[in-house]
């Protein structure tokens, strides 16, 4: 092997080592920081109930809105709120954080539901130990959680199906209008319910066909990648729908890269990129949830529980449809 090839191989090995070292150090730092925060809560705010909010992804803008609502309610009600989550979507890390919250004997836990037997068992374990658990954004209906706070996800998927079916009329000259779908995760019940609701409407129209469903891992980059793959494999695809907050922006990026200005894009939520794309007419419409209210109401309900009051099994909130014309439909 030539010196240049050896140098290239060594360089790749060195970069791989640096990457693994960075991941290890980041994980170690996050764990130490989490332990420090919990320790401070126990020593400095022992008079306040200690509530843990475990997010799907720490810095996701949608989850930051949930956090803000939860924090505002916590400040009003005298609750010490800790907000944690994986840096990138990672169900194993969410499970680990739930284990740590139980071990730390927090007073209550707010979390996103996951399709996982181990996760469900941990929720049940927390409840058995006297730690009330509320699911936020996505439910774990088979667990012993006290309440689910969030969107009626099947209904929101159905509403999205209705506006896509209406938009499909623009392709009446085609025998079949092909549709692609992105979901954020196949382990989160909110995503699978949205897909089920969407399919329930599309299946009623013989002229509409879902030709591809892919997972974006609630990542703008992965959404763009998966949408690009759809456009390559199905060049006659007319509509792509995103079921999680960053999907719309990712689909738009893929459409621009592929020169598909004619592609109709539908999204979920109203993060800044989506709102700007709607204003420019590049996204047709988006289903708008109420993450701030999810966070606020979940803390309010857990406060009631800690005060000895009961909690509703489901605390559902409605959605709106925001169109590219700036119209909000209830």
C-alpha atoms as a PDB file:
ATOM      1  CA  UNK A   1       0.000   0.000   0.000  1.00  0.00           C
ATOM      2  CA  UNK A   2       1.367   3.440  -0.927  1.00  0.00           C
ATOM      3  CA  UNK A   3       2.295   6.043   1.672  1.00  0.00           C
ATOM      4  CA  UNK A   4      -0.653   8.192   0.566  1.00  0.00           C
ATOM      5  CA  UNK A   5      -3.119   5.348   1.120  1.00  0.00           C
ATOM      6  CA  UNK A   6      -1.616   4.591   4.521  1.00  0.00           C
ATOM      7  CA  UNK A   7      -1.928   8.255   5.417  1.00  0.00           C
ATOM      8  CA  UNK A   8      -5.553   8.293   4.275  1.00  0.00           C
ATOM      9  CA  UNK A   9      -6.387   5.149   6.285  1.00  0.00           C
ATOM     10  CA  UNK A  10      -4.659   6.508   9.381  1.00  0.00           C
ATOM     11  CA  UNK A  11      -6.459   9.809   8.924  1.00  0.00           C
ATOM     12  CA  UNK A  12      -9.848   8.062   8.775  1.00  0.00           C
ATOM     13  CA  UNK A  13      -9.011   5.988  11.844  1.00  0.00           C
ATOM     14  CA  UNK A  14      -7.969   9.117  13.713  1.00  0.00           C
ATOM     15  CA  UNK A  15     -11.181  10.933  12.752  1.00  0.00           C
ATOM     16  CA  UNK A  16     -13.236   7.897  13.836  1.00  0.00           C
ATOM     17  CA  UNK A  17     -11.398   7.878  17.171  1.00  0.00           C
ATOM     18  CA  UNK A  18     -12.089  11.592  17.662  1.00  0.00           C
ATOM     19  CA  UNK A  19     -15.779  11.086  16.850  1.00  0.00           C
ATOM     20  CA  UNK A  20     -16.131   8.198  19.328  1.00  0.00           C
ATOM     21  CA  UNK A  21     -14.245  10.173  21.971  1.00  0.00           C
ATOM     22  CA  UNK A  22     -16.532  13.162  21.429  1.00  0.00           C
ATOM     23  CA  UNK A  23     -19.653  10.970  21.762  1.00  0.00           C
ATOM     24  CA  UNK A  24     -18.309   9.398  24.966  1.00  0.00           C
ATOM     25  CA  UNK A  25     -17.375  12.746  26.496  1.00  0.00           C
ATOM     26  CA  UNK A  26     -20.746  14.270  25.518  1.00  0.00           C
ATOM     27  CA  UNK A  27     -22.650  11.375  27.086  1.00  0.00           C
ATOM     28  CA  UNK A  28     -20.518  11.529  30.242  1.00  0.00           C
ATOM     29  CA  UNK A  29     -21.015  15.292  30.540  1.00  0.00           C
ATOM     30  CA  UNK A  30     -24.791  15.000  30.097  1.00  0.00           C
ATOM     31  CA  UNK A  31     -25.014  12.324  32.775  1.00  0.00           C
ATOM     32  CA  UNK A  32     -22.885  14.355  35.198  1.00  0.00           C
ATOM     33  CA  UNK A  33     -24.917  17.478  34.507  1.00  0.00           C
ATOM     34  CA  UNK A  34     -28.149  15.567  35.074  1.00  0.00           C
ATOM     35  CA  UNK A  35     -26.906  14.195  38.395  1.00  0.00           C
ATOM     36  CA  UNK A  36     -25.766  17.684  39.419  1.00  0.00           C
ATOM     37  CA  UNK A  37     -29.166  19.202  38.575  1.00  0.00           C
ATOM     38  CA  UNK A  38     -31.028  16.531  40.507  1.00  0.00           C
ATOM     39  CA  UNK A  39     -28.697  16.936  43.458  1.00  0.00           C
ATOM     40  CA  UNK A  40     -29.241  20.705  43.460  1.00  0.00           C
ATOM     41  CA  UNK A  41     -32.977  20.177  43.302  1.00  0.00           C
ATOM     42  CA  UNK A  42     -32.898  17.855  46.309  1.00  0.00           C
ATOM     43  CA  UNK A  43     -30.724  20.182  48.411  1.00  0.00           C
ATOM     44  CA  UNK A  44     -31.846  23.622  47.263  1.00  0.00           C
ATOM     45  CA  UNK A  45     -35.513  23.179  46.498  1.00  0.00           C
ATOM     46  CA  UNK A  46     -36.566  20.389  48.840  1.00  0.00           C
ATOM     47  CA  UNK A  47     -39.729  22.248  49.786  1.00  0.00           C
ATOM     48  CA  UNK A  48     -40.950  22.155  46.179  1.00  0.00           C
ATOM     49  CA  UNK A  49     -42.262  19.054  44.378  1.00  0.00           C
ATOM     50  CA  UNK A  50     -39.591  17.762  41.990  1.00  0.00           C
ATOM     51  CA  UNK A  51     -41.119  17.025  38.575  1.00  0.00           C
ATOM     52  CA  UNK A  52     -39.089  15.548  35.712  1.00  0.00           C
ATOM     53  CA  UNK A  53     -40.033  16.279  32.077  1.00  0.00           C
ATOM     54  CA  UNK A  54     -38.346  13.790  29.717  1.00  0.00           C
ATOM     55  CA  UNK A  55     -38.464  15.012  26.112  1.00  0.00           C
ATOM     56  CA  UNK A  56     -38.100  13.086  22.873  1.00  0.00           C
ATOM     57  CA  UNK A  57     -35.235  15.331  21.764  1.00  0.00           C
ATOM     58  CA  UNK A  58     -33.693  18.001  23.977  1.00  0.00           C
ATOM     59  CA  UNK A  59     -33.335  20.953  21.591  1.00  0.00           C
ATOM     60  CA  UNK A  60     -36.125  20.164  19.154  1.00  0.00           C
ATOM     61  CA  UNK A  61     -38.073  23.446  18.764  1.00  0.00           C
ATOM     62  CA  UNK A  62     -41.394  21.681  19.272  1.00  0.00           C
ATOM     63  CA  UNK A  63     -40.214  20.175  22.567  1.00  0.00           C
ATOM     64  CA  UNK A  64     -38.740  23.488  23.658  1.00  0.00           C
ATOM     65  CA  UNK A  65     -42.244  24.951  23.327  1.00  0.00           C
ATOM     66  CA  UNK A  66     -43.588  22.146  25.525  1.00  0.00           C
ATOM     67  CA  UNK A  67     -40.823  22.906  28.020  1.00  0.00           C
ATOM     68  CA  UNK A  68     -41.669  26.617  28.054  1.00  0.00           C
ATOM     69  CA  UNK A  69     -45.318  25.933  28.830  1.00  0.00           C
ATOM     70  CA  UNK A  70     -44.355  23.446  31.533  1.00  0.00           C
ATOM     71  CA  UNK A  71     -41.844  25.860  33.054  1.00  0.00           C
ATOM     72  CA  UNK A  72     -44.328  28.739  33.151  1.00  0.00           C
ATOM     73  CA  UNK A  73     -46.879  26.544  34.935  1.00  0.00           C
ATOM     74  CA  UNK A  74     -44.205  25.208  37.302  1.00  0.00           C
ATOM     75  CA  UNK A  75     -43.113  28.731  38.236  1.00  0.00           C
ATOM     76  CA  UNK A  76     -46.712  29.724  38.921  1.00  0.00           C
ATOM     77  CA  UNK A  77     -47.478  26.625  40.998  1.00  0.00           C
ATOM     78  CA  UNK A  78     -44.224  26.381  42.967  1.00  0.00           C
ATOM     79  CA  UNK A  79     -42.868  23.245  41.293  1.00  0.00           C
ATOM     80  CA  UNK A  80     -39.183  22.477  40.665  1.00  0.00           C
ATOM     81  CA  UNK A  81     -39.176  21.358  37.019  1.00  0.00           C
ATOM     82  CA  UNK A  82     -36.253  19.505  35.435  1.00  0.00           C
ATOM     83  CA  UNK A  83     -36.224  19.242  31.633  1.00  0.00           C
ATOM     84  CA  UNK A  84     -34.043  16.491  30.126  1.00  0.00           C
ATOM     85  CA  UNK A  85     -33.815  14.423  26.952  1.00  0.00           C
ATOM     86  CA  UNK A  86     -31.453  12.907  24.391  1.00  0.00           C
ATOM     87  CA  UNK A  87     -29.542  15.280  22.121  1.00  0.00           C
ATOM     88  CA  UNK A  88     -30.825  13.262  19.160  1.00  0.00           C
ATOM     89  CA  UNK A  89     -33.908  11.073  19.087  1.00  0.00           C
ATOM     90  CA  UNK A  90     -32.925   7.906  20.933  1.00  0.00           C
ATOM     91  CA  UNK A  91     -35.503   5.694  22.631  1.00  0.00           C
ATOM     92  CA  UNK A  92     -32.825   3.833  24.592  1.00  0.00           C
ATOM     93  CA  UNK A  93     -31.657   7.094  26.148  1.00  0.00           C
ATOM     94  CA  UNK A  94     -35.247   8.095  26.922  1.00  0.00           C
ATOM     95  CA  UNK A  95     -35.617   4.757  28.711  1.00  0.00           C
ATOM     96  CA  UNK A  96     -32.374   5.333  30.622  1.00  0.00           C
ATOM     97  CA  UNK A  97     -33.563   8.788  31.713  1.00  0.00           C
ATOM     98  CA  UNK A  98     -36.820   7.280  32.956  1.00  0.00           C
ATOM     99  CA  UNK A  99     -34.851   4.709  34.967  1.00  0.00           C
ATOM    100  CA  UNK A 100     -32.763   7.506  36.501  1.00  0.00           C
ATOM    101  CA  UNK A 101     -35.844   9.557  37.357  1.00  0.00           C
ATOM    102  CA  UNK A 102     -37.331   6.574  39.205  1.00  0.00           C
ATOM    103  CA  UNK A 103     -34.042   5.909  41.003  1.00  0.00           C
ATOM    104  CA  UNK A 104     -33.854   9.589  42.013  1.00  0.00           C
ATOM    105  CA  UNK A 105     -37.354   9.268  43.549  1.00  0.00           C
ATOM    106  CA  UNK A 106     -38.705  12.385  41.873  1.00  0.00           C
ATOM    107  CA  UNK A 107     -42.210  13.420  42.883  1.00  0.00           C
ATOM    108  CA  UNK A 108     -43.717  13.073  39.395  1.00  0.00           C
ATOM    109  CA  UNK A 109     -42.715  12.343  35.796  1.00  0.00           C
ATOM    110  CA  UNK A 110     -43.931  13.848  32.525  1.00  0.00           C
ATOM    111  CA  UNK A 111     -42.782  12.039  29.390  1.00  0.00           C
ATOM    112  CA  UNK A 112     -43.504  11.097  25.808  1.00  0.00           C
ATOM    113  CA  UNK A 113     -45.049   7.665  25.321  1.00  0.00           C
ATOM    114  CA  UNK A 114     -43.061   5.069  23.349  1.00  0.00           C
ATOM    115  CA  UNK A 115     -44.023   1.723  21.778  1.00  0.00           C
ATOM    116  CA  UNK A 116     -41.789  -0.364  24.034  1.00  0.00           C
ATOM    117  CA  UNK A 117     -42.533  -3.141  26.514  1.00  0.00           C
ATOM    118  CA  UNK A 118     -39.548  -2.139  28.668  1.00  0.00           C
ATOM    119  CA  UNK A 119     -40.664   1.511  28.708  1.00  0.00           C
ATOM    120  CA  UNK A 120     -44.229   0.554  29.623  1.00  0.00           C
ATOM    121  CA  UNK A 121     -42.947  -1.603  32.481  1.00  0.00           C
ATOM    122  CA  UNK A 122     -40.876   1.296  33.790  1.00  0.00           C
ATOM    123  CA  UNK A 123     -43.918   3.575  33.768  1.00  0.00           C
ATOM    124  CA  UNK A 124     -45.819   0.927  35.725  1.00  0.00           C
ATOM    125  CA  UNK A 125     -42.873   0.586  38.119  1.00  0.00           C
ATOM    126  CA  UNK A 126     -42.857   4.333  38.759  1.00  0.00           C
ATOM    127  CA  UNK A 127     -46.592   4.352  39.483  1.00  0.00           C
ATOM    128  CA  UNK A 128     -46.222   1.317  41.773  1.00  0.00           C
ATOM    129  CA  UNK A 129     -43.588   3.257  43.728  1.00  0.00           C
ATOM    130  CA  UNK A 130     -45.953   6.189  44.181  1.00  0.00           C
ATOM    131  CA  UNK A 131     -44.547   8.377  41.390  1.00  0.00           C
ATOM    132  CA  UNK A 132     -47.405   9.652  39.198  1.00  0.00           C
ATOM    133  CA  UNK A 133     -46.697   9.622  35.454  1.00  0.00           C
ATOM    134  CA  UNK A 134     -48.372  11.680  32.736  1.00  0.00           C
ATOM    135  CA  UNK A 135     -47.697  11.121  29.035  1.00  0.00           C
ATOM    136  CA  UNK A 136     -47.315  14.226  26.876  1.00  0.00           C
ATOM    137  CA  UNK A 137     -47.517  14.521  23.064  1.00  0.00           C
ATOM    138  CA  UNK A 138     -47.639  10.719  22.585  1.00  0.00           C
ATOM    139  CA  UNK A 139     -49.440   8.220  24.792  1.00  0.00           C
ATOM    140  CA  UNK A 140     -48.539   4.841  26.312  1.00  0.00           C
ATOM    141  CA  UNK A 141     -52.105   3.552  26.589  1.00  0.00           C
ATOM    142  CA  UNK A 142     -51.106   0.082  27.794  1.00  0.00           C
ATOM    143  CA  UNK A 143     -49.267   1.515  30.790  1.00  0.00           C
ATOM    144  CA  UNK A 144     -50.590   2.646  34.167  1.00  0.00           C
ATOM    145  CA  UNK A 145     -49.920   6.297  33.420  1.00  0.00           C
ATOM    146  CA  UNK A 146     -52.492   8.596  35.021  1.00  0.00           C
ATOM    147  CA  UNK A 147     -53.278  10.836  32.078  1.00  0.00           C
ATOM    148  CA  UNK A 148     -52.409  11.629  28.468  1.00  0.00           C
ATOM    149  CA  UNK A 149     -52.069  15.314  27.573  1.00  0.00           C
ATOM    150  CA  UNK A 150     -51.872  16.167  23.890  1.00  0.00           C
ATOM    151  CA  UNK A 151     -53.424  16.127  20.449  1.00  0.00           C
ATOM    152  CA  UNK A 152     -56.015  13.649  19.230  1.00  0.00           C
ATOM    153  CA  UNK A 153     -53.471  12.297  16.776  1.00  0.00           C
ATOM    154  CA  UNK A 154     -55.763  10.007  14.797  1.00  0.00           C
ATOM    155  CA  UNK A 155     -58.137  12.905  14.200  1.00  0.00           C
ATOM    156  CA  UNK A 156     -55.307  15.265  13.202  1.00  0.00           C
ATOM    157  CA  UNK A 157     -54.056  12.686  10.687  1.00  0.00           C
ATOM    158  CA  UNK A 158     -57.575  12.360   9.342  1.00  0.00           C
ATOM    159  CA  UNK A 159     -57.862  16.139   8.943  1.00  0.00           C
ATOM    160  CA  UNK A 160     -54.573  16.177   7.059  1.00  0.00           C
ATOM    161  CA  UNK A 161     -55.935  13.446   4.800  1.00  0.00           C
ATOM    162  CA  UNK A 162     -58.985  15.569   4.015  1.00  0.00           C
ATOM    163  CA  UNK A 163     -56.989  18.615   2.903  1.00  0.00           C
ATOM    164  CA  UNK A 164     -54.621  16.425   0.863  1.00  0.00           C
ATOM    165  CA  UNK A 165     -57.588  14.729  -0.811  1.00  0.00           C
ATOM    166  CA  UNK A 166     -58.975  18.150  -1.693  1.00  0.00           C
ATOM    167  CA  UNK A 167     -55.605  19.245  -3.099  1.00  0.00           C
ATOM    168  CA  UNK A 168     -55.454  16.033  -5.140  1.00  0.00           C
ATOM    169  CA  UNK A 169     -58.252  17.389  -7.327  1.00  0.00           C
ATOM    170  CA  UNK A 170     -55.591  19.489  -9.074  1.00  0.00           C
ATOM    171  CA  UNK A 171     -54.279  16.268 -10.634  1.00  0.00           C
ATOM    172  CA  UNK A 172     -57.596  15.065 -12.051  1.00  0.00           C
ATOM    173  CA  UNK A 173     -55.903  14.503 -15.429  1.00  0.00           C
ATOM    174  CA  UNK A 174     -53.872  11.658 -13.889  1.00  0.00           C
ATOM    175  CA  UNK A 175     -55.320   8.169 -13.393  1.00  0.00           C
ATOM    176  CA  UNK A 176     -53.649   8.028  -9.964  1.00  0.00           C
ATOM    177  CA  UNK A 177     -52.171  10.792  -7.806  1.00  0.00           C
ATOM    178  CA  UNK A 178     -49.164   9.375  -5.948  1.00  0.00           C
ATOM    179  CA  UNK A 179     -48.437  10.423  -2.373  1.00  0.00           C
ATOM    180  CA  UNK A 180     -45.350  10.013  -0.178  1.00  0.00           C
ATOM    181  CA  UNK A 181     -45.439  10.199   3.624  1.00  0.00           C
ATOM    182  CA  UNK A 182     -42.780  10.944   6.230  1.00  0.00           C
ATOM    183  CA  UNK A 183     -43.322  10.108   9.897  1.00  0.00           C
ATOM    184  CA  UNK A 184     -41.005  11.180  12.690  1.00  0.00           C
ATOM    185  CA  UNK A 185     -40.790   7.764  14.358  1.00  0.00           C
ATOM    186  CA  UNK A 186     -42.418   4.360  14.092  1.00  0.00           C
ATOM    187  CA  UNK A 187     -42.095   3.892  17.873  1.00  0.00           C
ATOM    188  CA  UNK A 188     -44.072   6.989  18.922  1.00  0.00           C
ATOM    189  CA  UNK A 189     -47.814   6.432  19.096  1.00  0.00           C
ATOM    190  CA  UNK A 190     -48.608   9.978  17.961  1.00  0.00           C
ATOM    191  CA  UNK A 191     -46.880   9.331  14.625  1.00  0.00           C
ATOM    192  CA  UNK A 192     -48.482   5.946  13.962  1.00  0.00           C
ATOM    193  CA  UNK A 193     -51.924   7.280  14.886  1.00  0.00           C
ATOM    194  CA  UNK A 194     -51.520  10.225  12.515  1.00  0.00           C
ATOM    195  CA  UNK A 195     -50.549   7.839   9.745  1.00  0.00           C
ATOM    196  CA  UNK A 196     -53.555   5.617  10.505  1.00  0.00           C
ATOM    197  CA  UNK A 197     -55.901   8.613  10.427  1.00  0.00           C
ATOM    198  CA  UNK A 198     -54.369   9.862   7.184  1.00  0.00           C
ATOM    199  CA  UNK A 199     -54.683   6.450   5.543  1.00  0.00           C
ATOM    200  CA  UNK A 200     -58.320   6.151   6.621  1.00  0.00           C
ATOM    201  CA  UNK A 201     -59.178   9.123   4.394  1.00  0.00           C
ATOM    202  CA  UNK A 202     -56.850   8.455   1.457  1.00  0.00           C
ATOM    203  CA  UNK A 203     -58.084   4.856   1.183  1.00  0.00           C
ATOM    204  CA  UNK A 204     -61.564   6.190   0.374  1.00  0.00           C
ATOM    205  CA  UNK A 205     -60.311   7.836  -2.835  1.00  0.00           C
ATOM    206  CA  UNK A 206     -59.473   5.492  -5.709  1.00  0.00           C
ATOM    207  CA  UNK A 207     -57.572   8.274  -7.474  1.00  0.00           C
ATOM    208  CA  UNK A 208     -55.137   8.679  -4.552  1.00  0.00           C
ATOM    209  CA  UNK A 209     -52.356   6.222  -3.703  1.00  0.00           C
ATOM    210  CA  UNK A 210     -49.744   6.243  -0.921  1.00  0.00           C
ATOM    211  CA  UNK A 211     -46.654   4.840  -2.653  1.00  0.00           C
ATOM    212  CA  UNK A 212     -43.998   5.317   0.036  1.00  0.00           C
ATOM    213  CA  UNK A 213     -43.785   5.811   3.817  1.00  0.00           C
ATOM    214  CA  UNK A 214     -40.441   6.590   5.473  1.00  0.00           C
ATOM    215  CA  UNK A 215     -39.106   7.610   8.899  1.00  0.00           C
ATOM    216  CA  UNK A 216     -37.334  10.967   9.354  1.00  0.00           C
ATOM    217  CA  UNK A 217     -36.337  10.521  13.028  1.00  0.00           C
ATOM    218  CA  UNK A 218     -37.664  14.085  13.540  1.00  0.00           C
ATOM    219  CA  UNK A 219     -34.581  15.385  11.737  1.00  0.00           C
ATOM    220  CA  UNK A 220     -34.652  18.032   9.029  1.00  0.00           C
ATOM    221  CA  UNK A 221     -31.593  16.446   7.400  1.00  0.00           C
ATOM    222  CA  UNK A 222     -33.089  12.953   7.405  1.00  0.00           C
ATOM    223  CA  UNK A 223     -36.426  14.302   6.187  1.00  0.00           C
ATOM    224  CA  UNK A 224     -34.642  15.881   3.205  1.00  0.00           C
ATOM    225  CA  UNK A 225     -32.748  12.654   2.542  1.00  0.00           C
ATOM    226  CA  UNK A 226     -35.840  10.423   2.721  1.00  0.00           C
ATOM    227  CA  UNK A 227     -37.880  12.810   0.578  1.00  0.00           C
ATOM    228  CA  UNK A 228     -35.077  12.890  -2.017  1.00  0.00           C
ATOM    229  CA  UNK A 229     -35.111   9.087  -2.116  1.00  0.00           C
ATOM    230  CA  UNK A 230     -38.880   9.139  -2.668  1.00  0.00           C
ATOM    231  CA  UNK A 231     -38.565  11.615  -5.531  1.00  0.00           C
ATOM    232  CA  UNK A 232     -35.841   9.507  -7.137  1.00  0.00           C
ATOM    233  CA  UNK A 233     -37.746   6.215  -6.831  1.00  0.00           C
ATOM    234  CA  UNK A 234     -41.124   7.743  -7.725  1.00  0.00           C
ATOM    235  CA  UNK A 235     -40.429  10.584 -10.180  1.00  0.00           C
ATOM    236  CA  UNK A 236     -44.166  11.051 -10.780  1.00  0.00           C
ATOM    237  CA  UNK A 237     -44.983  11.525  -7.100  1.00  0.00           C
ATOM    238  CA  UNK A 238     -47.248  14.580  -6.761  1.00  0.00           C
ATOM    239  CA  UNK A 239     -47.609  15.114  -3.012  1.00  0.00           C
ATOM    240  CA  UNK A 240     -45.381  14.506   0.015  1.00  0.00           C
ATOM    241  CA  UNK A 241     -46.752  14.815   3.531  1.00  0.00           C
ATOM    242  CA  UNK A 242     -44.718  15.204   6.738  1.00  0.00           C
ATOM    243  CA  UNK A 243     -46.151  14.110  10.092  1.00  0.00           C
ATOM    244  CA  UNK A 244     -43.552  15.661  12.440  1.00  0.00           C
ATOM    245  CA  UNK A 245     -42.351  19.218  13.031  1.00  0.00           C
ATOM    246  CA  UNK A 246     -39.170  19.263  10.917  1.00  0.00           C
ATOM    247  CA  UNK A 247     -40.489  17.196   8.010  1.00  0.00           C
ATOM    248  CA  UNK A 248     -41.990  20.066   6.026  1.00  0.00           C
ATOM    249  CA  UNK A 249     -38.718  21.993   5.859  1.00  0.00           C
ATOM    250  CA  UNK A 250     -36.824  18.825   4.920  1.00  0.00           C
ATOM    251  CA  UNK A 251     -39.272  17.932   2.159  1.00  0.00           C
ATOM    252  CA  UNK A 252     -39.006  21.469   0.778  1.00  0.00           C
ATOM    253  CA  UNK A 253     -35.218  21.211   0.685  1.00  0.00           C
ATOM    254  CA  UNK A 254     -35.475  17.929  -1.241  1.00  0.00           C
ATOM    255  CA  UNK A 255     -37.978  19.410  -3.690  1.00  0.00           C
ATOM    256  CA  UNK A 256     -35.695  22.351  -4.431  1.00  0.00           C
ATOM    257  CA  UNK A 257     -32.647  20.103  -4.847  1.00  0.00           C
ATOM    258  CA  UNK A 258     -34.615  17.891  -7.247  1.00  0.00           C
ATOM    259  CA  UNK A 259     -36.052  20.785  -9.226  1.00  0.00           C
ATOM    260  CA  UNK A 260     -39.593  19.804  -8.243  1.00  0.00           C
ATOM    261  CA  UNK A 261     -41.303  23.171  -7.901  1.00  0.00           C
ATOM    262  CA  UNK A 262     -44.588  21.453  -8.771  1.00  0.00           C
ATOM    263  CA  UNK A 263     -44.507  19.168  -5.710  1.00  0.00           C
ATOM    264  CA  UNK A 264     -47.288  19.816  -3.193  1.00  0.00           C
ATOM    265  CA  UNK A 265     -45.966  19.737   0.384  1.00  0.00           C
ATOM    266  CA  UNK A 266     -47.989  19.395   3.587  1.00  0.00           C
ATOM    267  CA  UNK A 267     -46.538  19.552   7.080  1.00  0.00           C
ATOM    268  CA  UNK A 268     -47.150  19.498  10.813  1.00  0.00           C
ATOM    269  CA  UNK A 269     -46.663  22.249  13.395  1.00  0.00           C
ATOM    270  CA  UNK A 270     -45.649  25.879  12.982  1.00  0.00           C
ATOM    271  CA  UNK A 271     -41.923  26.105  13.624  1.00  0.00           C
ATOM    272  CA  UNK A 272     -40.338  29.197  12.076  1.00  0.00           C
ATOM    273  CA  UNK A 273     -39.084  27.494   8.899  1.00  0.00           C
ATOM    274  CA  UNK A 274     -42.527  26.082   8.197  1.00  0.00           C
ATOM    275  CA  UNK A 275     -44.243  29.436   8.775  1.00  0.00           C
ATOM    276  CA  UNK A 276     -41.831  31.185   6.414  1.00  0.00           C
ATOM    277  CA  UNK A 277     -42.321  28.515   3.739  1.00  0.00           C
ATOM    278  CA  UNK A 278     -46.098  28.841   4.101  1.00  0.00           C
ATOM    279  CA  UNK A 279     -45.822  32.621   3.690  1.00  0.00           C
ATOM    280  CA  UNK A 280     -43.811  32.090   0.481  1.00  0.00           C
ATOM    281  CA  UNK A 281     -46.370  29.601  -0.820  1.00  0.00           C
ATOM    282  CA  UNK A 282     -43.830  26.752  -0.855  1.00  0.00           C
ATOM    283  CA  UNK A 283     -45.806  24.604   1.609  1.00  0.00           C
ATOM    284  CA  UNK A 284     -49.527  24.179   1.001  1.00  0.00           C
ATOM    285  CA  UNK A 285     -50.724  23.780   4.580  1.00  0.00           C
ATOM    286  CA  UNK A 286     -49.686  22.568   8.027  1.00  0.00           C
ATOM    287  CA  UNK A 287     -51.549  21.048  10.960  1.00  0.00           C
ATOM    288  CA  UNK A 288     -50.883  23.271  13.971  1.00  0.00           C
ATOM    289  CA  UNK A 289     -50.733  21.711  17.426  1.00  0.00           C
ATOM    290  CA  UNK A 290     -50.486  23.471  20.781  1.00  0.00           C
ATOM    291  CA  UNK A 291     -47.215  22.323  22.383  1.00  0.00           C
ATOM    292  CA  UNK A 292     -47.023  25.244  24.818  1.00  0.00           C
ATOM    293  CA  UNK A 293     -50.448  24.363  26.170  1.00  0.00           C
ATOM    294  CA  UNK A 294     -49.480  20.672  26.367  1.00  0.00           C
ATOM    295  CA  UNK A 295     -46.607  21.562  28.665  1.00  0.00           C
ATOM    296  CA  UNK A 296     -48.609  24.041  30.719  1.00  0.00           C
ATOM    297  CA  UNK A 297     -51.630  21.792  31.190  1.00  0.00           C
ATOM    298  CA  UNK A 298     -49.557  18.690  31.987  1.00  0.00           C
ATOM    299  CA  UNK A 299     -47.849  20.489  34.885  1.00  0.00           C
ATOM    300  CA  UNK A 300     -51.194  21.879  36.067  1.00  0.00           C
ATOM    301  CA  UNK A 301     -52.687  18.374  36.081  1.00  0.00           C
ATOM    302  CA  UNK A 302     -49.713  16.829  37.878  1.00  0.00           C
ATOM    303  CA  UNK A 303     -49.987  19.613  40.474  1.00  0.00           C
ATOM    304  CA  UNK A 304     -53.614  18.629  41.054  1.00  0.00           C
ATOM    305  CA  UNK A 305     -52.548  14.995  41.467  1.00  0.00           C
ATOM    306  CA  UNK A 306     -49.844  15.911  43.979  1.00  0.00           C
ATOM    307  CA  UNK A 307     -52.477  17.915  45.877  1.00  0.00           C
ATOM    308  CA  UNK A 308     -54.680  14.822  46.097  1.00  0.00           C
ATOM    309  CA  UNK A 309     -57.077  15.615  43.260  1.00  0.00           C
ATOM    310  CA  UNK A 310     -57.918  13.266  40.388  1.00  0.00           C
ATOM    311  CA  UNK A 311     -56.643  13.473  36.795  1.00  0.00           C
ATOM    312  CA  UNK A 312     -58.601  12.895  33.571  1.00  0.00           C
ATOM    313  CA  UNK A 313     -57.528   9.812  31.621  1.00  0.00           C
ATOM    314  CA  UNK A 314     -57.268  11.970  28.493  1.00  0.00           C
ATOM    315  CA  UNK A 315     -56.772  15.720  28.246  1.00  0.00           C
ATOM    316  CA  UNK A 316     -57.081  16.366  24.509  1.00  0.00           C
ATOM    317  CA  UNK A 317     -56.582  19.626  22.669  1.00  0.00           C
ATOM    318  CA  UNK A 318     -57.711  20.643  19.235  1.00  0.00           C
ATOM    319  CA  UNK A 319     -55.598  21.562  16.208  1.00  0.00           C
ATOM    320  CA  UNK A 320     -55.779  24.207  13.508  1.00  0.00           C
ATOM    321  CA  UNK A 321     -54.896  24.133   9.823  1.00  0.00           C
ATOM    322  CA  UNK A 322     -52.657  26.964   8.618  1.00  0.00           C
ATOM    323  CA  UNK A 323     -52.750  27.421   4.835  1.00  0.00           C
ATOM    324  CA  UNK A 324     -50.292  29.134   2.504  1.00  0.00           C
ATOM    325  CA  UNK A 325     -52.826  31.967   2.185  1.00  0.00           C
ATOM    326  CA  UNK A 326     -52.406  32.695   5.883  1.00  0.00           C
ATOM    327  CA  UNK A 327     -55.837  31.349   6.737  1.00  0.00           C
ATOM    328  CA  UNK A 328     -56.303  29.454  10.005  1.00  0.00           C
ATOM    329  CA  UNK A 329     -59.027  26.832   9.870  1.00  0.00           C
ATOM    330  CA  UNK A 330     -60.448  25.527  13.139  1.00  0.00           C
END
